[in-house]
Amino acid sequence: MINIRQFIVAMCVGLFIIGCGRDKNPADNVVSIDKPEISQQDRGQLKNSHLVKAQDYIADKSYEDAIAELNEIISLDPKDPAAYYTLGNVYEMMGKNQESVEAFITAIKLDPYAKKQMPLESTGSGSVSNLTEPCLATNTAVGSSCQH
């Protein structure tokens, strides 16, 4: 019959042998899953799907949800001026003038002709054009704070 001492020694030896076979760096065992490539056609369909959802959310005045959908469009195509223009409109509807201006400026930088489509009516304390002109004149980077 095996006594306790022999059992403990056998267990320690077994654990030592099992432990020796393991990698030194557990981070090497992390499995990396790359995102699959999305075809241009699928990317376009995804953009349209998110746009339809965003438009529905805007109609329902669920602006935060609309922003999430528009950000999905932007993640699929960061150079889509229409997404930034629509995002600017949503921020304007929410009264978030600074975010609205930044989105409009991005749209204008991506497509200078988008400026003709921007609403120029008053938005509370000042019009969108009054808010954007100092930023555009100083060529302030989008996302940075534009002081005027």
N, C-alpha and C. Protein backbone atom coordinates (compact mmCIF):
# COMPACT_ATOMS: atom_id res chain seq x y z
N MET A 1 0.84 -1.18 0.00
CA MET A 1 0.00 0.00 0.00
C MET A 1 0.89 1.24 0.00
N ILE A 2 0.46 2.26 -0.72
CA ILE A 2 1.23 3.50 -0.83
C ILE A 2 0.98 4.35 0.40
N ASN A 3 2.08 4.81 0.97
CA ASN A 3 1.89 5.71 2.10
C ASN A 3 1.75 7.15 1.60
N ILE A 4 1.41 8.03 2.44
CA ILE A 4 1.17 9.44 2.14
C ILE A 4 2.39 10.10 1.52
N ARG A 5 3.57 9.82 2.07
CA ARG A 5 4.80 10.45 1.60
C ARG A 5 5.04 10.07 0.13
N GLN A 6 4.92 8.81 -0.23
CA GLN A 6 5.13 8.39 -1.60
C GLN A 6 4.09 9.01 -2.54
N PHE A 7 2.88 9.12 -2.06
CA PHE A 7 1.81 9.72 -2.85
C PHE A 7 2.11 11.18 -3.15
N ILE A 8 2.53 11.94 -2.15
CA ILE A 8 2.85 13.36 -2.32
C ILE A 8 4.03 13.53 -3.27
N VAL A 9 5.07 12.71 -3.12
CA VAL A 9 6.23 12.78 -4.00
C VAL A 9 5.81 12.48 -5.44
N ALA A 10 4.99 11.46 -5.62
CA ALA A 10 4.54 11.10 -6.96
C ALA A 10 3.72 12.24 -7.58
N MET A 11 2.89 12.88 -6.81
CA MET A 11 2.09 14.01 -7.29
C MET A 11 2.98 15.18 -7.69
N CYS A 12 3.97 15.49 -6.85
CA CYS A 12 4.88 16.60 -7.14
C CYS A 12 5.66 16.34 -8.42
N VAL A 13 6.15 15.13 -8.60
CA VAL A 13 6.90 14.77 -9.80
C VAL A 13 5.98 14.88 -11.02
N GLY A 14 4.77 14.41 -10.90
CA GLY A 14 3.81 14.48 -12.00
C GLY A 14 3.50 15.93 -12.38
N LEU A 15 3.27 16.77 -11.39
CA LEU A 15 2.99 18.18 -11.66
C LEU A 15 4.20 18.87 -12.28
N PHE A 16 5.39 18.50 -11.81
CA PHE A 16 6.62 19.08 -12.36
C PHE A 16 6.76 18.72 -13.84
N ILE A 17 6.52 17.46 -14.15
CA ILE A 17 6.63 17.01 -15.54
C ILE A 17 5.59 17.70 -16.42
N ILE A 18 4.37 17.80 -15.95
CA ILE A 18 3.32 18.46 -16.71
C ILE A 18 3.65 19.94 -16.89
N GLY A 19 4.14 20.59 -15.85
CA GLY A 19 4.48 22.00 -15.91
C GLY A 19 5.64 22.30 -16.84
N CYS A 20 6.56 21.38 -17.01
CA CYS A 20 7.71 21.61 -17.88
C CYS A 20 7.31 21.70 -19.34
N GLY A 21 6.21 21.13 -19.70
CA GLY A 21 5.78 21.16 -21.09
C GLY A 21 5.08 22.44 -21.48
N ARG A 22 4.80 23.31 -20.55
CA ARG A 22 4.07 24.54 -20.85
C ARG A 22 5.00 25.63 -21.34
N ASP A 23 4.41 26.54 -22.11
CA ASP A 23 5.17 27.70 -22.60
C ASP A 23 5.50 28.62 -21.44
N LYS A 24 6.59 29.32 -21.59
CA LYS A 24 7.02 30.26 -20.55
C LYS A 24 6.13 31.49 -20.51
N ASN A 25 5.66 31.97 -21.68
CA ASN A 25 4.89 33.19 -21.77
C ASN A 25 3.43 32.85 -22.09
N PRO A 26 2.53 33.02 -21.13
CA PRO A 26 1.13 32.68 -21.40
C PRO A 26 0.50 33.58 -22.46
N ALA A 27 1.06 34.77 -22.70
CA ALA A 27 0.52 35.66 -23.73
C ALA A 27 0.69 35.06 -25.11
N ASP A 28 1.66 34.15 -25.28
CA ASP A 28 1.86 33.51 -26.57
C ASP A 28 0.71 32.57 -26.91
N ASN A 29 -0.06 32.18 -25.91
CA ASN A 29 -1.17 31.26 -26.12
C ASN A 29 -2.45 31.97 -26.54
N VAL A 30 -2.43 33.30 -26.60
CA VAL A 30 -3.63 34.05 -26.96
C VAL A 30 -3.93 33.82 -28.43
N VAL A 31 -5.17 33.48 -28.70
CA VAL A 31 -5.59 33.25 -30.07
C VAL A 31 -6.06 34.57 -30.65
N SER A 32 -5.52 34.92 -31.79
CA SER A 32 -5.88 36.15 -32.46
C SER A 32 -6.83 35.84 -33.61
N ILE A 33 -7.97 36.51 -33.62
CA ILE A 33 -8.94 36.32 -34.68
C ILE A 33 -8.99 37.61 -35.48
N ASP A 34 -8.56 37.54 -36.72
CA ASP A 34 -8.59 38.70 -37.59
C ASP A 34 -9.99 38.85 -38.17
N LYS A 35 -10.37 40.13 -38.36
CA LYS A 35 -11.65 40.39 -39.00
C LYS A 35 -11.56 39.98 -40.46
N PRO A 36 -12.59 39.34 -40.96
CA PRO A 36 -12.55 38.97 -42.37
C PRO A 36 -12.64 40.21 -43.25
N GLU A 37 -12.05 40.13 -44.41
CA GLU A 37 -12.13 41.23 -45.37
C GLU A 37 -13.56 41.31 -45.90
N ILE A 38 -14.05 42.52 -46.01
CA ILE A 38 -15.40 42.73 -46.51
C ILE A 38 -15.29 43.27 -47.93
N SER A 39 -16.01 42.66 -48.85
CA SER A 39 -15.97 43.11 -50.24
C SER A 39 -16.61 44.49 -50.35
N GLN A 40 -16.29 45.20 -51.42
CA GLN A 40 -16.85 46.54 -51.64
C GLN A 40 -18.37 46.47 -51.72
N GLN A 41 -18.89 45.44 -52.37
CA GLN A 41 -20.34 45.30 -52.50
C GLN A 41 -20.98 45.09 -51.12
N ASP A 42 -20.39 44.21 -50.31
CA ASP A 42 -20.92 43.97 -48.96
C ASP A 42 -20.78 45.23 -48.10
N ARG A 43 -19.67 45.93 -48.27
CA ARG A 43 -19.45 47.16 -47.52
C ARG A 43 -20.54 48.19 -47.86
N GLY A 44 -20.88 48.27 -49.14
CA GLY A 44 -21.94 49.19 -49.57
C GLY A 44 -23.29 48.80 -49.00
N GLN A 45 -23.57 47.50 -48.98
CA GLN A 45 -24.84 47.04 -48.41
C GLN A 45 -24.90 47.31 -46.91
N LEU A 46 -23.77 47.11 -46.22
CA LEU A 46 -23.74 47.41 -44.79
C LEU A 46 -23.97 48.89 -44.53
N LYS A 47 -23.32 49.73 -45.34
CA LYS A 47 -23.50 51.18 -45.19
C LYS A 47 -24.97 51.55 -45.38
N ASN A 48 -25.59 50.99 -46.42
CA ASN A 48 -27.00 51.30 -46.67
C ASN A 48 -27.88 50.81 -45.52
N SER A 49 -27.58 49.65 -44.99
CA SER A 49 -28.34 49.12 -43.86
C SER A 49 -28.24 50.05 -42.66
N HIS A 50 -27.02 50.50 -42.36
CA HIS A 50 -26.84 51.42 -41.23
C HIS A 50 -27.50 52.77 -41.51
N LEU A 51 -27.47 53.21 -42.75
CA LEU A 51 -28.09 54.48 -43.10
C LEU A 51 -29.60 54.42 -42.91
N VAL A 52 -30.22 53.32 -43.33
CA VAL A 52 -31.66 53.16 -43.14
C VAL A 52 -32.00 53.18 -41.66
N LYS A 53 -31.21 52.46 -40.86
CA LYS A 53 -31.45 52.46 -39.41
C LYS A 53 -31.28 53.85 -38.83
N ALA A 54 -30.22 54.55 -39.26
CA ALA A 54 -29.98 55.90 -38.75
C ALA A 54 -31.15 56.82 -39.09
N GLN A 55 -31.65 56.73 -40.32
CA GLN A 55 -32.78 57.57 -40.73
C GLN A 55 -34.02 57.25 -39.90
N ASP A 56 -34.24 55.98 -39.61
CA ASP A 56 -35.38 55.60 -38.76
C ASP A 56 -35.21 56.18 -37.36
N TYR A 57 -33.99 56.08 -36.81
CA TYR A 57 -33.75 56.63 -35.48
C TYR A 57 -33.92 58.15 -35.46
N ILE A 58 -33.49 58.81 -36.53
CA ILE A 58 -33.65 60.27 -36.60
C ILE A 58 -35.14 60.61 -36.63
N ALA A 59 -35.92 59.88 -37.42
CA ALA A 59 -37.36 60.12 -37.49
C ALA A 59 -38.03 59.92 -36.14
N ASP A 60 -37.51 58.96 -35.36
CA ASP A 60 -38.05 58.68 -34.02
C ASP A 60 -37.43 59.57 -32.94
N LYS A 61 -36.53 60.47 -33.36
CA LYS A 61 -35.81 61.35 -32.43
C LYS A 61 -34.94 60.56 -31.44
N SER A 62 -34.50 59.37 -31.84
CA SER A 62 -33.56 58.57 -31.05
C SER A 62 -32.16 58.90 -31.55
N TYR A 63 -31.72 60.11 -31.20
CA TYR A 63 -30.49 60.65 -31.79
C TYR A 63 -29.24 59.87 -31.40
N GLU A 64 -29.16 59.40 -30.16
CA GLU A 64 -27.98 58.64 -29.74
C GLU A 64 -27.83 57.37 -30.57
N ASP A 65 -28.96 56.70 -30.84
CA ASP A 65 -28.93 55.49 -31.66
C ASP A 65 -28.54 55.84 -33.10
N ALA A 66 -29.03 56.97 -33.59
CA ALA A 66 -28.67 57.41 -34.94
C ALA A 66 -27.17 57.68 -35.04
N ILE A 67 -26.62 58.30 -34.00
CA ILE A 67 -25.18 58.57 -33.98
C ILE A 67 -24.39 57.27 -34.02
N ALA A 68 -24.84 56.27 -33.28
CA ALA A 68 -24.16 54.96 -33.29
C ALA A 68 -24.17 54.36 -34.69
N GLU A 69 -25.29 54.45 -35.38
CA GLU A 69 -25.38 53.91 -36.74
C GLU A 69 -24.49 54.70 -37.70
N LEU A 70 -24.48 56.01 -37.55
CA LEU A 70 -23.64 56.84 -38.42
C LEU A 70 -22.16 56.56 -38.17
N ASN A 71 -21.80 56.33 -36.93
CA ASN A 71 -20.41 55.98 -36.62
C ASN A 71 -20.03 54.63 -37.22
N GLU A 72 -20.99 53.72 -37.33
CA GLU A 72 -20.73 52.45 -38.01
C GLU A 72 -20.45 52.69 -39.49
N ILE A 73 -21.23 53.59 -40.10
CA ILE A 73 -20.99 53.93 -41.50
C ILE A 73 -19.60 54.52 -41.66
N ILE A 74 -19.23 55.41 -40.75
CA ILE A 74 -17.92 56.05 -40.82
C ILE A 74 -16.80 55.02 -40.62
N SER A 75 -17.03 54.03 -39.77
CA SER A 75 -16.00 53.00 -39.58
C SER A 75 -15.84 52.16 -40.84
N LEU A 76 -16.92 51.98 -41.60
CA LEU A 76 -16.85 51.23 -42.86
C LEU A 76 -16.21 52.06 -43.97
N ASP A 77 -16.48 53.37 -43.95
CA ASP A 77 -15.95 54.27 -44.99
C ASP A 77 -15.65 55.62 -44.37
N PRO A 78 -14.44 55.79 -43.81
CA PRO A 78 -14.10 57.04 -43.14
C PRO A 78 -14.03 58.24 -44.07
N LYS A 79 -14.11 58.03 -45.37
CA LYS A 79 -14.04 59.15 -46.31
C LYS A 79 -15.40 59.45 -46.94
N ASP A 80 -16.48 59.08 -46.27
CA ASP A 80 -17.82 59.31 -46.78
C ASP A 80 -18.34 60.65 -46.24
N PRO A 81 -18.32 61.71 -47.05
CA PRO A 81 -18.74 63.02 -46.55
C PRO A 81 -20.21 63.05 -46.15
N ALA A 82 -21.05 62.26 -46.82
CA ALA A 82 -22.47 62.26 -46.49
C ALA A 82 -22.72 61.77 -45.07
N ALA A 83 -21.94 60.81 -44.62
CA ALA A 83 -22.10 60.30 -43.25
C ALA A 83 -21.77 61.40 -42.24
N TYR A 84 -20.69 62.14 -42.51
CA TYR A 84 -20.32 63.24 -41.60
C TYR A 84 -21.35 64.37 -41.66
N TYR A 85 -21.85 64.64 -42.85
CA TYR A 85 -22.87 65.69 -43.00
C TYR A 85 -24.12 65.32 -42.20
N THR A 86 -24.57 64.06 -42.32
CA THR A 86 -25.74 63.61 -41.58
C THR A 86 -25.46 63.62 -40.09
N LEU A 87 -24.26 63.21 -39.70
CA LEU A 87 -23.88 63.24 -38.29
C LEU A 87 -23.94 64.68 -37.77
N GLY A 88 -23.45 65.63 -38.57
CA GLY A 88 -23.52 67.03 -38.18
C GLY A 88 -24.96 67.49 -37.97
N ASN A 89 -25.85 67.05 -38.85
CA ASN A 89 -27.27 67.41 -38.70
C ASN A 89 -27.85 66.84 -37.41
N VAL A 90 -27.50 65.59 -37.09
CA VAL A 90 -28.02 64.97 -35.87
C VAL A 90 -27.51 65.72 -34.64
N TYR A 91 -26.22 66.02 -34.63
CA TYR A 91 -25.68 66.79 -33.50
C TYR A 91 -26.37 68.15 -33.39
N GLU A 92 -26.65 68.77 -34.53
CA GLU A 92 -27.32 70.06 -34.51
C GLU A 92 -28.72 69.93 -33.92
N MET A 93 -29.44 68.86 -34.28
CA MET A 93 -30.77 68.62 -33.73
C MET A 93 -30.73 68.43 -32.22
N MET A 94 -29.60 67.88 -31.74
CA MET A 94 -29.44 67.64 -30.30
C MET A 94 -28.97 68.90 -29.57
N GLY A 95 -28.62 69.93 -30.33
CA GLY A 95 -28.11 71.15 -29.71
C GLY A 95 -26.63 71.07 -29.37
N LYS A 96 -25.94 70.06 -29.90
CA LYS A 96 -24.50 69.90 -29.66
C LYS A 96 -23.76 70.61 -30.78
N ASN A 97 -23.67 71.93 -30.65
CA ASN A 97 -23.13 72.74 -31.74
C ASN A 97 -21.68 72.45 -32.05
N GLN A 98 -20.84 72.27 -31.07
CA GLN A 98 -19.42 72.03 -31.33
C GLN A 98 -19.22 70.73 -32.10
N GLU A 99 -19.89 69.66 -31.67
CA GLU A 99 -19.78 68.38 -32.37
C GLU A 99 -20.34 68.50 -33.79
N SER A 100 -21.43 69.26 -33.92
CA SER A 100 -22.04 69.49 -35.22
C SER A 100 -21.05 70.17 -36.17
N VAL A 101 -20.42 71.21 -35.67
CA VAL A 101 -19.45 71.95 -36.48
C VAL A 101 -18.29 71.04 -36.90
N GLU A 102 -17.78 70.24 -35.98
CA GLU A 102 -16.67 69.35 -36.30
C GLU A 102 -17.05 68.35 -37.39
N ALA A 103 -18.28 67.82 -37.30
CA ALA A 103 -18.73 66.87 -38.33
C ALA A 103 -18.89 67.57 -39.67
N PHE A 104 -19.45 68.78 -39.67
CA PHE A 104 -19.60 69.53 -40.91
C PHE A 104 -18.24 69.88 -41.52
N ILE A 105 -17.30 70.25 -40.68
CA ILE A 105 -15.96 70.58 -41.18
C ILE A 105 -15.32 69.35 -41.83
N THR A 106 -15.49 68.20 -41.20
CA THR A 106 -14.95 66.97 -41.79
C THR A 106 -15.60 66.71 -43.15
N ALA A 107 -16.91 66.90 -43.23
CA ALA A 107 -17.62 66.69 -44.50
C ALA A 107 -17.08 67.65 -45.56
N ILE A 108 -16.84 68.89 -45.17
CA ILE A 108 -16.33 69.88 -46.12
C ILE A 108 -14.92 69.53 -46.56
N LYS A 109 -14.09 69.08 -45.63
CA LYS A 109 -12.73 68.70 -46.00
C LYS A 109 -12.72 67.51 -46.96
N LEU A 110 -13.66 66.59 -46.76
CA LEU A 110 -13.73 65.42 -47.64
C LEU A 110 -14.33 65.77 -48.99
N ASP A 111 -15.29 66.69 -48.99
CA ASP A 111 -15.93 67.13 -50.22
C ASP A 111 -16.25 68.61 -50.10
N PRO A 112 -15.39 69.47 -50.64
CA PRO A 112 -15.58 70.91 -50.49
C PRO A 112 -16.94 71.40 -50.99
N TYR A 113 -17.57 70.67 -51.89
CA TYR A 113 -18.88 71.09 -52.40
C TYR A 113 -19.99 70.81 -51.39
N ALA A 114 -19.70 70.06 -50.35
CA ALA A 114 -20.70 69.77 -49.32
C ALA A 114 -21.12 71.04 -48.60
N LYS A 115 -20.27 72.07 -48.59
CA LYS A 115 -20.58 73.32 -47.90
C LYS A 115 -21.86 73.94 -48.45
N LYS A 116 -22.12 73.75 -49.74
CA LYS A 116 -23.33 74.29 -50.35
C LYS A 116 -24.58 73.63 -49.78
N GLN A 117 -24.44 72.42 -49.24
CA GLN A 117 -25.58 71.69 -48.71
C GLN A 117 -25.82 71.99 -47.25
N MET A 118 -24.87 72.64 -46.58
CA MET A 118 -24.99 72.87 -45.14
C MET A 118 -26.11 73.85 -44.84
N PRO A 119 -26.87 73.60 -43.80
CA PRO A 119 -27.91 74.54 -43.41
C PRO A 119 -27.26 75.81 -42.86
N LEU A 120 -27.80 76.94 -43.26
CA LEU A 120 -27.23 78.21 -42.80
C LEU A 120 -28.18 78.95 -41.88
N GLU A 121 -29.30 78.32 -41.51
CA GLU A 121 -30.23 78.99 -40.62
C GLU A 121 -29.69 79.01 -39.19
N SER A 122 -30.33 79.78 -38.38
CA SER A 122 -29.85 79.97 -37.01
C SER A 122 -30.05 78.70 -36.20
N THR A 123 -29.08 78.41 -35.34
CA THR A 123 -29.17 77.23 -34.46
C THR A 123 -28.96 77.68 -33.02
N GLY A 124 -29.88 78.48 -32.55
CA GLY A 124 -29.75 78.92 -31.16
C GLY A 124 -28.89 80.17 -31.06
N SER A 125 -27.72 80.06 -30.45
CA SER A 125 -26.89 81.22 -30.17
C SER A 125 -26.17 81.74 -31.41
N GLY A 126 -26.06 80.95 -32.44
CA GLY A 126 -25.38 81.40 -33.65
C GLY A 126 -25.61 80.43 -34.77
N SER A 127 -25.43 80.89 -35.99
CA SER A 127 -25.66 80.00 -37.11
C SER A 127 -24.48 79.06 -37.30
N VAL A 128 -24.71 77.98 -38.01
CA VAL A 128 -23.65 77.03 -38.29
C VAL A 128 -22.54 77.71 -39.07
N SER A 129 -22.91 78.57 -40.03
CA SER A 129 -21.88 79.23 -40.82
C SER A 129 -21.02 80.14 -39.94
N ASN A 130 -21.62 80.79 -38.96
CA ASN A 130 -20.84 81.64 -38.06
C ASN A 130 -19.91 80.81 -37.19
N LEU A 131 -20.34 79.61 -36.84
CA LEU A 131 -19.50 78.75 -36.01
C LEU A 131 -18.35 78.16 -36.81
N THR A 132 -18.58 77.86 -38.08
CA THR A 132 -17.55 77.18 -38.86
C THR A 132 -16.55 78.12 -39.48
N GLU A 133 -16.94 79.34 -39.82
CA GLU A 133 -16.04 80.23 -40.54
C GLU A 133 -14.73 80.48 -39.81
N PRO A 134 -14.73 80.79 -38.49
CA PRO A 134 -13.43 80.99 -37.83
C PRO A 134 -12.57 79.74 -37.84
N CYS A 135 -13.20 78.56 -37.72
CA CYS A 135 -12.45 77.31 -37.72
C CYS A 135 -11.84 77.07 -39.10
N LEU A 136 -12.62 77.34 -40.14
CA LEU A 136 -12.11 77.12 -41.48
C LEU A 136 -11.02 78.13 -41.82
N ALA A 137 -11.21 79.37 -41.34
CA ALA A 137 -10.23 80.42 -41.64
C ALA A 137 -8.88 80.13 -41.01
N THR A 138 -8.90 79.52 -39.83
CA THR A 138 -7.64 79.21 -39.15
C THR A 138 -7.16 77.82 -39.49
N ASN A 139 -7.96 77.08 -40.30
CA ASN A 139 -7.59 75.73 -40.71
C ASN A 139 -7.40 74.83 -39.50
N THR A 140 -8.27 74.99 -38.51
CA THR A 140 -8.21 74.20 -37.29
C THR A 140 -8.50 72.74 -37.61
N ALA A 141 -7.72 71.84 -37.02
CA ALA A 141 -7.90 70.41 -37.28
C ALA A 141 -9.22 69.94 -36.71
N VAL A 142 -9.87 69.06 -37.42
CA VAL A 142 -11.12 68.48 -36.96
C VAL A 142 -10.84 67.66 -35.71
N GLY A 143 -11.74 67.78 -34.75
CA GLY A 143 -11.57 67.04 -33.51
C GLY A 143 -10.87 67.87 -32.46
N SER A 144 -10.18 68.94 -32.88
CA SER A 144 -9.55 69.80 -31.90
C SER A 144 -10.55 70.89 -31.53
N SER A 145 -10.30 71.55 -30.47
CA SER A 145 -11.18 72.58 -30.01
C SER A 145 -10.98 73.84 -30.84
N CYS A 146 -12.03 74.32 -31.45
CA CYS A 146 -11.95 75.52 -32.27
C CYS A 146 -12.40 76.69 -31.42
N GLN A 147 -11.52 77.59 -31.13
CA GLN A 147 -11.84 78.79 -30.34
C GLN A 147 -12.12 79.93 -31.28
N HIS A 148 -13.25 80.60 -31.11
CA HIS A 148 -13.55 81.74 -31.97
C HIS A 148 -14.08 82.89 -31.17
